[in-house]
N, C-alpha and C. Protein backbone atom coordinates (compact mmCIF):
# COMPACT_ATOMS: atom_id res chain seq x y z
N MET A 1 98.49 114.99 139.37
CA MET A 1 97.35 113.90 139.98
C MET A 1 97.29 112.87 138.67
N PRO A 2 96.52 112.21 139.10
CA PRO A 2 96.46 111.20 137.68
C PRO A 2 95.93 111.74 136.59
N ASN A 3 94.90 112.40 136.36
CA ASN A 3 94.52 112.50 135.07
C ASN A 3 93.32 113.79 135.28
N GLN A 4 93.01 114.34 134.07
CA GLN A 4 92.18 115.56 133.78
C GLN A 4 91.34 115.57 134.58
N PRO A 5 90.08 114.34 134.88
CA PRO A 5 88.70 114.76 135.32
C PRO A 5 89.24 114.74 136.79
N ALA A 6 90.74 114.28 137.32
CA ALA A 6 90.78 114.70 138.52
C ALA A 6 91.10 115.89 138.35
N TYR A 7 92.19 116.78 137.64
CA TYR A 7 91.88 118.40 138.16
C TYR A 7 90.51 119.55 138.31
N ARG A 8 89.99 118.27 137.11
CA ARG A 8 88.46 119.01 137.38
C ARG A 8 87.73 119.01 138.39
N GLN A 9 87.48 118.22 139.32
CA GLN A 9 87.33 117.65 140.55
C GLN A 9 87.66 118.55 141.90
N VAL A 10 89.72 118.79 141.71
CA VAL A 10 89.84 119.80 142.66
C VAL A 10 89.69 121.29 141.85
N ALA A 11 89.54 121.57 140.82
CA ALA A 11 89.09 123.04 140.61
C ALA A 11 87.58 123.03 140.58
N VAL A 12 86.88 122.15 140.88
CA VAL A 12 85.31 122.56 140.47
C VAL A 12 85.11 122.16 142.83
N GLN A 13 85.70 121.08 142.76
CA GLN A 13 85.16 121.15 144.11
C GLN A 13 85.75 121.50 145.16
N GLY A 14 87.10 121.68 144.89
CA GLY A 14 88.00 122.07 146.40
C GLY A 14 87.91 123.40 146.93
N LYS A 15 88.44 122.85 147.99
CA LYS A 15 88.92 124.39 149.41
C LYS A 15 89.61 125.07 148.51
N TYR A 16 89.06 126.38 149.25
CA TYR A 16 90.64 127.62 148.78
C TYR A 16 91.22 128.19 150.07
N VAL A 17 92.22 128.43 149.36
CA VAL A 17 93.37 129.52 150.53
C VAL A 17 94.11 129.87 149.81
N ARG A 18 94.10 131.41 149.96
CA ARG A 18 94.69 132.48 149.24
C ARG A 18 95.82 132.43 150.25
N GLY A 19 96.87 133.18 149.23
CA GLY A 19 98.09 133.72 150.04
C GLY A 19 98.76 135.33 148.71
N SER A 20 99.85 135.14 149.26
CA SER A 20 100.24 137.30 148.19
C SER A 20 100.68 136.23 147.16
N SER A 21 101.74 135.00 146.85
CA SER A 21 102.17 134.79 146.03
C SER A 21 101.19 133.78 144.83
N PHE A 22 100.50 132.40 145.67
CA PHE A 22 99.86 132.30 144.92
C PHE A 22 98.55 131.56 145.92
N SER A 23 97.79 131.14 145.21
CA SER A 23 96.39 130.42 146.28
C SER A 23 96.95 128.72 145.86
N MET A 24 95.78 128.64 146.65
CA MET A 24 95.79 126.68 146.42
C MET A 24 94.29 126.27 146.72
N ARG A 25 94.11 125.17 146.06
CA ARG A 25 92.78 124.22 146.01
C ARG A 25 92.94 123.27 146.18
N TRP A 26 92.48 122.27 147.25
CA TRP A 26 92.22 121.73 147.86
C TRP A 26 90.87 120.67 147.91
N ILE A 27 91.21 119.23 147.92
CA ILE A 27 90.43 118.22 148.78
C ILE A 27 91.26 116.91 149.17
N ASP A 28 90.04 116.23 149.71
CA ASP A 28 90.77 115.25 150.80
C ASP A 28 91.00 113.85 149.34
N SER A 29 92.25 113.23 149.79
CA SER A 29 92.81 112.73 149.31
C SER A 29 91.88 111.56 148.62
N PRO A 30 91.55 110.97 147.71
CA PRO A 30 90.78 109.82 147.02
C PRO A 30 91.30 108.63 147.27
N ASP A 31 92.69 108.68 146.96
CA ASP A 31 93.57 107.49 147.12
C ASP A 31 94.70 107.31 147.91
N GLY A 32 94.64 108.02 149.07
CA GLY A 32 95.54 107.86 149.95
C GLY A 32 96.68 109.10 150.10
N PHE A 33 97.64 109.58 148.70
CA PHE A 33 98.28 110.01 148.32
C PHE A 33 98.23 111.47 148.72
N CYS A 34 99.79 111.84 148.69
CA CYS A 34 99.41 112.87 148.63
C CYS A 34 99.87 113.87 146.98
N ARG A 35 99.00 114.28 146.37
CA ARG A 35 99.31 114.89 145.40
C ARG A 35 99.13 116.22 144.54
N PHE A 36 100.38 116.98 143.78
CA PHE A 36 100.15 118.61 143.98
C PHE A 36 100.23 118.33 142.26
N CYS A 37 99.41 119.48 141.99
CA CYS A 37 100.19 120.21 140.99
C CYS A 37 100.52 121.46 140.73
N PHE A 38 100.67 122.30 140.04
CA PHE A 38 101.40 123.87 140.07
C PHE A 38 101.13 124.41 139.03
N LEU A 39 100.16 125.56 138.59
CA LEU A 39 99.84 126.25 137.76
C LEU A 39 99.78 127.93 137.42
N ALA A 40 101.15 128.04 136.58
CA ALA A 40 101.30 129.53 136.66
C ALA A 40 100.83 129.67 134.65
N LYS A 41 100.12 131.13 134.61
CA LYS A 41 99.43 131.47 133.95
C LYS A 41 100.21 132.07 132.59
N LYS A 42 99.81 131.83 130.96
CA LYS A 42 100.68 132.07 130.13
C LYS A 42 100.39 133.68 130.73
N LYS A 43 99.43 134.15 131.30
CA LYS A 43 99.03 136.15 131.46
C LYS A 43 100.30 136.92 132.08
N ASN A 44 101.11 135.59 133.18
CA ASN A 44 101.68 136.51 134.16
C ASN A 44 103.39 136.13 133.89
N GLY A 45 103.30 135.14 132.64
CA GLY A 45 104.87 135.82 131.99
C GLY A 45 105.11 134.25 130.75
N ASN A 46 106.47 134.08 130.36
CA ASN A 46 106.73 132.96 129.44
C ASN A 46 106.79 131.55 130.30
N ALA A 47 107.73 131.24 128.61
CA ALA A 47 107.72 129.90 129.73
C ALA A 47 109.03 129.21 130.46
N VAL A 48 110.21 129.93 130.79
CA VAL A 48 111.02 130.57 131.43
C VAL A 48 110.61 130.46 132.84
N TYR A 49 109.93 131.70 133.15
CA TYR A 49 109.08 132.39 134.26
C TYR A 49 108.21 131.05 135.11
N ARG A 50 107.19 130.72 133.94
CA ARG A 50 105.71 129.11 134.28
C ARG A 50 107.58 127.76 135.17
N ASN A 51 108.13 127.67 134.23
CA ASN A 51 109.26 126.34 134.74
C ASN A 51 109.44 127.18 136.08
N ARG A 52 110.18 128.26 136.19
CA ARG A 52 110.77 128.76 137.69
C ARG A 52 110.01 128.78 138.44
N CYS A 53 108.61 129.04 138.80
CA CYS A 53 107.56 128.77 139.70
C CYS A 53 107.23 127.76 139.66
N ARG A 54 107.49 125.94 139.23
CA ARG A 54 107.01 125.05 139.29
C ARG A 54 108.53 124.60 140.60
N ARG A 55 109.33 125.04 139.52
CA ARG A 55 110.98 124.53 140.25
C ARG A 55 111.23 125.14 141.36
N LEU A 56 110.60 126.31 142.19
CA LEU A 56 110.51 126.93 143.47
C LEU A 56 109.47 126.15 144.44
N LEU A 57 108.93 125.69 143.61
CA LEU A 57 107.29 125.33 144.50
C LEU A 57 107.24 123.68 145.01
N ARG A 58 108.18 123.11 144.26
CA ARG A 58 107.75 121.67 144.01
C ARG A 58 108.28 121.56 145.50
N PRO A 59 109.84 121.75 145.66
CA PRO A 59 110.22 121.33 147.35
C PRO A 59 109.12 121.93 148.57
N LEU A 60 109.28 123.48 148.13
CA LEU A 60 108.29 123.89 149.33
C LEU A 60 107.37 122.82 149.70
N PHE A 61 106.32 122.45 148.30
CA PHE A 61 105.29 121.17 148.92
C PHE A 61 105.39 119.83 149.22
N TYR A 62 106.18 119.56 148.51
CA TYR A 62 107.09 117.70 148.92
C TYR A 62 107.44 117.81 149.99
N GLY A 63 108.52 118.48 150.60
CA GLY A 63 108.87 118.49 151.72
C GLY A 63 107.86 119.19 152.86
N MET A 64 106.83 118.79 152.80
CA MET A 64 105.48 118.86 154.20
C MET A 64 105.30 117.48 153.99
N VAL A 65 105.10 117.27 153.55
CA VAL A 65 103.90 115.81 152.70
C VAL A 65 104.30 115.28 154.29
N PRO A 66 105.94 114.30 154.82
CA PRO A 66 105.62 113.83 156.05
C PRO A 66 104.79 114.90 157.06
N GLN A 67 104.99 115.65 157.06
CA GLN A 67 103.57 117.32 158.22
C GLN A 67 102.18 116.77 157.89
N ILE A 68 102.07 116.18 157.27
CA ILE A 68 100.90 116.15 156.37
C ILE A 68 99.65 114.69 157.16
N ALA A 69 98.69 115.49 157.56
CA ALA A 69 98.55 113.70 158.58
C ALA A 69 97.55 113.34 157.66
N LYS A 70 96.73 114.13 157.27
CA LYS A 70 95.40 113.38 156.01
C LYS A 70 95.65 113.77 154.73
N PRO A 71 96.42 112.83 153.26
CA PRO A 71 96.80 113.51 152.51
C PRO A 71 95.67 114.13 151.79
N VAL A 72 96.34 115.11 150.95
CA VAL A 72 95.44 115.71 149.64
C VAL A 72 95.63 115.57 148.88
N TRP A 73 94.67 116.43 147.41
CA TRP A 73 94.80 116.26 146.05
C TRP A 73 95.16 118.30 145.96
N ALA A 74 96.09 118.90 145.35
CA ALA A 74 96.32 120.15 145.78
C ALA A 74 96.52 121.29 144.41
N MET A 75 95.87 121.46 144.18
CA MET A 75 96.47 122.64 142.93
C MET A 75 96.81 124.11 143.33
N ILE A 76 98.11 123.91 143.05
CA ILE A 76 98.41 125.29 143.73
C ILE A 76 98.58 126.40 142.00
N ILE A 77 98.21 127.74 142.73
CA ILE A 77 98.24 128.36 141.40
C ILE A 77 98.86 129.83 141.37
N VAL A 78 100.02 130.11 140.77
CA VAL A 78 100.85 131.05 141.33
C VAL A 78 99.73 132.41 140.50
N ASN A 79 99.73 133.39 141.51
CA ASN A 79 99.46 134.55 141.00
C ASN A 79 100.20 136.53 140.68
N ASP A 80 101.51 135.73 141.14
CA ASP A 80 103.32 136.42 140.73
C ASP A 80 102.56 137.03 139.34
N LYS A 81 103.42 138.57 138.79
CA LYS A 81 104.24 138.19 137.70
C LYS A 81 105.25 138.18 137.44
N ALA A 82 106.10 137.88 136.57
CA ALA A 82 107.31 137.57 136.77
C ALA A 82 108.40 138.46 137.16
N GLU A 83 108.01 139.71 137.15
CA GLU A 83 109.05 140.43 138.05
C GLU A 83 108.83 140.60 139.60
N GLU A 84 107.60 139.91 139.51
CA GLU A 84 107.82 139.79 141.56
C GLU A 84 108.36 138.72 142.17
N VAL A 85 108.02 137.35 141.22
CA VAL A 85 108.62 136.16 141.85
C VAL A 85 110.25 136.28 142.48
N THR A 86 110.46 135.29 143.89
CA THR A 86 111.24 135.17 144.28
C THR A 86 111.02 133.76 145.23
N SER A 87 112.38 133.19 145.06
CA SER A 87 112.17 132.32 146.53
C SER A 87 111.68 132.86 147.91
N GLU A 88 112.37 133.82 148.01
CA GLU A 88 112.15 134.48 149.66
C GLU A 88 109.89 134.56 149.48
N ARG A 89 109.97 135.09 148.77
CA ARG A 89 108.13 135.45 148.41
C ARG A 89 107.25 133.97 148.35
N PHE A 90 108.14 133.05 147.58
CA PHE A 90 107.29 132.36 147.60
C PHE A 90 106.99 131.42 148.69
N ARG A 91 108.61 131.31 149.45
CA ARG A 91 108.81 130.64 151.07
C ARG A 91 108.15 131.10 152.04
N GLU A 92 107.55 132.79 152.43
CA GLU A 92 106.37 133.27 153.00
C GLU A 92 105.45 132.94 152.76
N THR A 93 104.71 132.58 151.72
CA THR A 93 103.74 132.77 151.16
C THR A 93 103.33 131.45 151.16
N ALA A 94 104.60 130.16 151.11
CA ALA A 94 104.30 128.73 151.81
C ALA A 94 103.57 128.32 152.53
N GLU A 95 104.62 129.54 153.61
CA GLU A 95 104.37 129.26 154.69
C GLU A 95 103.26 129.78 155.65
N LYS A 96 102.59 131.23 155.00
CA LYS A 96 101.46 130.83 155.61
C LYS A 96 100.26 130.49 155.67
N ILE A 97 100.16 129.84 154.43
CA ILE A 97 99.19 128.82 153.79
C ILE A 97 99.51 127.73 154.15
N PHE A 98 100.75 127.09 154.54
CA PHE A 98 100.79 125.95 155.81
C PHE A 98 100.96 125.87 156.88
N LYS A 99 100.48 127.53 157.77
CA LYS A 99 100.21 127.49 159.11
C LYS A 99 98.38 127.55 158.83
N LYS A 100 97.54 127.74 157.78
CA LYS A 100 96.35 127.48 157.36
C LYS A 100 95.93 126.43 158.14
N MET A 101 96.86 126.46 157.22
CA MET A 101 96.53 124.21 156.58
C MET A 101 97.17 123.23 158.14
N GLU A 102 97.34 124.58 158.90
CA GLU A 102 97.86 123.22 160.18
C GLU A 102 99.48 122.34 159.60
N TRP A 103 99.84 122.73 158.96
CA TRP A 103 101.23 121.67 158.29
C TRP A 103 102.56 121.92 158.55
N SER A 104 102.53 123.37 159.40
CA SER A 104 103.57 123.91 159.87
C SER A 104 104.54 122.76 160.81
N HIS A 105 105.81 123.17 160.30
CA HIS A 105 106.48 122.79 160.91
C HIS A 105 106.52 122.99 162.86
N ALA A 106 106.43 124.02 163.09
CA ALA A 106 105.90 124.78 163.88
C ALA A 106 105.14 124.28 164.94
N ASP A 107 104.01 124.12 164.63
CA ASP A 107 102.79 123.79 164.52
C ASP A 107 102.93 121.99 165.43
N SER A 108 103.86 121.22 164.65
CA SER A 108 103.96 119.95 164.61
C SER A 108 104.86 119.52 165.67
N ASP A 109 105.85 121.07 166.47
CA ASP A 109 107.05 120.96 167.49
C ASP A 109 106.30 120.86 168.32
N VAL A 110 104.57 122.32 168.58
CA VAL A 110 104.35 122.40 169.26
C VAL A 110 103.18 120.95 170.14
N LYS A 111 102.92 120.38 169.20
CA LYS A 111 102.68 119.24 169.57
C LYS A 111 102.87 118.31 170.11
N ASN A 112 104.10 117.99 169.86
CA ASN A 112 104.52 116.75 169.91
C ASN A 112 105.03 117.18 171.23
N GLY A 113 105.79 118.34 171.99
CA GLY A 113 106.85 118.57 172.53
C GLY A 113 106.75 119.16 173.61
């Protein structure tokens, strides 16, 4: 997101969806572009853990951008402790959130086909 007020806007005004590994707040994009920020809190693990969370989540969300009909600004907040983090768990949670948001590949295949 472009600046700190944008983070606050998403945190305060954003709609909320919860998954098992992370939750997401989002607003409709004011500038027409999808923007994501990934937050992993210090209380859940060290810097290596936080960077790993971001590294696992980035491709999941940025890979969905072509499927998103209406661009959003989203804040993804990791809930898992360091011991619980796996790429499979993140992928499962992301797929559930994408279905709730109607971003999944399966939904677009059904609509198109």
